[in-house]
Structures are given as structure tokens and as C-alpha cells.
């Protein structure tokens, strides 16, 4: 049981912190302030919860979603797990591990 939900906004590098936490993420997409591209919106909406601030019923939709029992939000989060893995590969972590080894190889090839 996770028992917490992270809510964030603005498509910046900081988005990776909540997304990589493993906790349910609600992203508020603001059309006029660091919005997601259409392609990113389509992909990320499959892996996290996205609400568009410029939609007519934005406040009602996000309030209704966040008013659900935490168990229900966690269940919905788990349903997105498979698609979230693909989203993570595409937008957040093309490599699953070995950053130090890869960096060492680049340094050796380029500088030594």
C-alpha cells in the first residue's frame, strides 16, 4: 500500500522526481506554462494521471479524482503499470542501470 499521491505541474526536468518515485502521480498540464507536447501528453497520460487545467470541468474533475479513496487511486495506478514502464523507457530512463560503466566507457573512448 502506497498511501500517498504526488501532485505536480509544469513539464520540466523536475517531473522526473515524482514519476520515478513509484507513487501515484497527478500532473496538472497548463497550456500557458510549460505544457506537455501533444506527443508527450498522449504517452504520459497512459502511465500517470493527467488533468488539463484549461478544460472546462478541470476543477470538478481533479477534485472528484482526488476525493476517491486512496485504495481506488492505487488500484487505478496499478492498472497503468505496464503502460507506465513503456512511458518511463521513452521519456525518463532509456537505460535501466549501469550509468557509471557507460560513463567510464565514454571517457576512455573520447579522452584516453
Protein backbone atom coordinates (compact mmCIF):
# COMPACT_ATOMS: atom_id res chain seq x y z
CA UNK A 1 0.00 0.00 0.00
CA UNK A 2 1.43 3.35 -1.09
CA UNK A 3 -0.77 5.78 0.89
CA UNK A 4 0.38 8.94 -0.86
CA UNK A 5 -0.21 10.75 -4.11
CA UNK A 6 2.13 13.31 -5.63
CA UNK A 7 0.60 16.28 -7.46
CA UNK A 8 2.77 18.40 -9.72
CA UNK A 9 2.65 20.75 -12.68
CA UNK A 10 4.92 22.13 -15.43
CA UNK A 11 6.71 19.89 -17.88
CA UNK A 12 10.25 20.39 -16.64
CA UNK A 13 13.01 18.02 -15.61
CA UNK A 14 11.60 18.12 -12.08
CA UNK A 15 8.70 15.98 -13.30
CA UNK A 16 11.05 13.00 -13.28
CA UNK A 17 11.35 13.03 -9.47
CA UNK A 18 7.70 12.25 -8.72
CA UNK A 19 7.38 9.94 -11.73
CA UNK A 20 10.40 7.88 -10.67
CA UNK A 21 9.20 7.69 -7.05
CA UNK A 22 6.81 4.85 -7.85
CA UNK A 23 3.96 6.69 -6.14
CA UNK A 24 0.81 7.73 -7.98
CA UNK A 25 1.42 10.98 -9.84
CA UNK A 26 -1.19 13.56 -10.79
CA UNK A 27 0.15 16.00 -13.36
CA UNK A 28 -1.66 19.28 -13.98
CA UNK A 29 -0.96 20.29 -17.56
CA UNK A 30 -1.10 24.05 -18.02
CA UNK A 31 -1.35 25.17 -21.64
CA UNK A 32 0.36 28.52 -20.94
CA UNK A 33 3.05 27.39 -18.50
CA UNK A 34 5.50 24.64 -19.53
CA UNK A 35 2.88 22.36 -21.12
CA UNK A 36 3.46 18.86 -22.37
CA UNK A 37 3.81 18.42 -26.12
CA UNK A 38 0.89 16.63 -27.73
CA UNK A 39 3.04 13.52 -28.19
CA UNK A 40 4.22 13.56 -24.57
CA UNK A 41 0.68 14.16 -23.33
CA UNK A 42 -0.56 11.11 -25.22
CA UNK A 43 2.21 8.88 -23.88
CA UNK A 44 2.35 10.17 -20.31
CA UNK A 45 -1.43 10.01 -19.88
CA UNK A 46 -1.15 6.24 -20.28
CA UNK A 47 1.28 5.99 -17.35
CA UNK A 48 0.29 8.77 -14.95
CA UNK A 49 -2.85 10.77 -14.20
CA UNK A 50 -3.03 13.97 -16.26
CA UNK A 51 -5.53 16.77 -15.86
CA UNK A 52 -5.59 19.68 -18.28
CA UNK A 53 -6.04 22.98 -16.45
CA UNK A 54 -7.70 24.62 -19.45
CA UNK A 55 -10.52 22.09 -19.67
CA UNK A 56 -13.94 23.41 -18.75
CA UNK A 57 -14.50 20.94 -15.90
CA UNK A 58 -10.89 20.86 -14.68
CA UNK A 59 -11.61 21.73 -11.04
CA UNK A 60 -14.52 19.31 -10.77
CA UNK A 61 -12.58 16.51 -12.49
CA UNK A 62 -9.46 16.82 -10.33
CA UNK A 63 -11.49 17.26 -7.14
CA UNK A 64 -13.58 14.19 -7.94
CA UNK A 65 -10.48 12.16 -8.73
CA UNK A 66 -8.59 13.19 -5.59
CA UNK A 67 -11.71 12.67 -3.44
CA UNK A 68 -11.71 8.95 -4.20
CA UNK A 69 -10.49 6.56 -1.52
CA UNK A 70 -6.71 6.11 -1.68
CA UNK A 71 -7.25 2.39 -2.31
CA UNK A 72 -9.16 3.19 -5.51
CA UNK A 73 -6.48 5.61 -6.75
CA UNK A 74 -3.81 2.98 -6.02
CA UNK A 75 -5.84 0.38 -7.92
CA UNK A 76 -6.09 2.71 -10.93
CA UNK A 77 -2.34 3.38 -10.62
CA UNK A 78 -1.59 -0.35 -10.68
CA UNK A 79 -3.73 -0.74 -13.82
CA UNK A 80 -1.37 1.67 -15.59
CA UNK A 81 1.80 -0.20 -14.58
CA UNK A 82 2.53 -1.92 -17.89
CA UNK A 83 2.00 1.23 -19.95
CA UNK A 84 3.95 3.25 -17.37
CA UNK A 85 7.00 1.05 -17.95
CA UNK A 86 6.90 1.90 -21.65
CA UNK A 87 6.39 5.59 -20.84
CA UNK A 88 9.40 5.51 -18.50
CA UNK A 89 11.61 3.99 -21.19
CA UNK A 90 10.52 6.57 -23.75
CA UNK A 91 10.68 9.73 -21.64
CA UNK A 92 12.61 9.16 -18.43
CA UNK A 93 15.13 6.35 -18.43
CA UNK A 94 16.31 4.73 -21.61
CA UNK A 95 18.89 2.86 -19.53
CA UNK A 96 17.86 0.78 -16.54
CA UNK A 97 21.25 0.72 -14.81
CA UNK A 98 24.99 0.91 -15.27
CA UNK A 99 25.38 4.67 -15.63
CA UNK A 100 28.88 4.55 -14.13
CA UNK A 101 30.06 1.86 -16.54
CA UNK A 102 28.63 3.72 -19.54
CA UNK A 103 30.25 6.98 -18.40
CA UNK A 104 33.61 5.27 -17.92
CA UNK A 105 33.45 3.80 -21.44
CA UNK A 106 32.73 7.22 -22.95
CA UNK A 107 35.58 8.83 -21.02
CA UNK A 108 38.01 6.10 -22.07
CA UNK A 109 36.93 6.23 -25.72
CA UNK A 110 36.86 10.02 -26.00
CA UNK A 111 39.68 11.16 -23.76
CA UNK A 112 42.18 8.34 -23.19
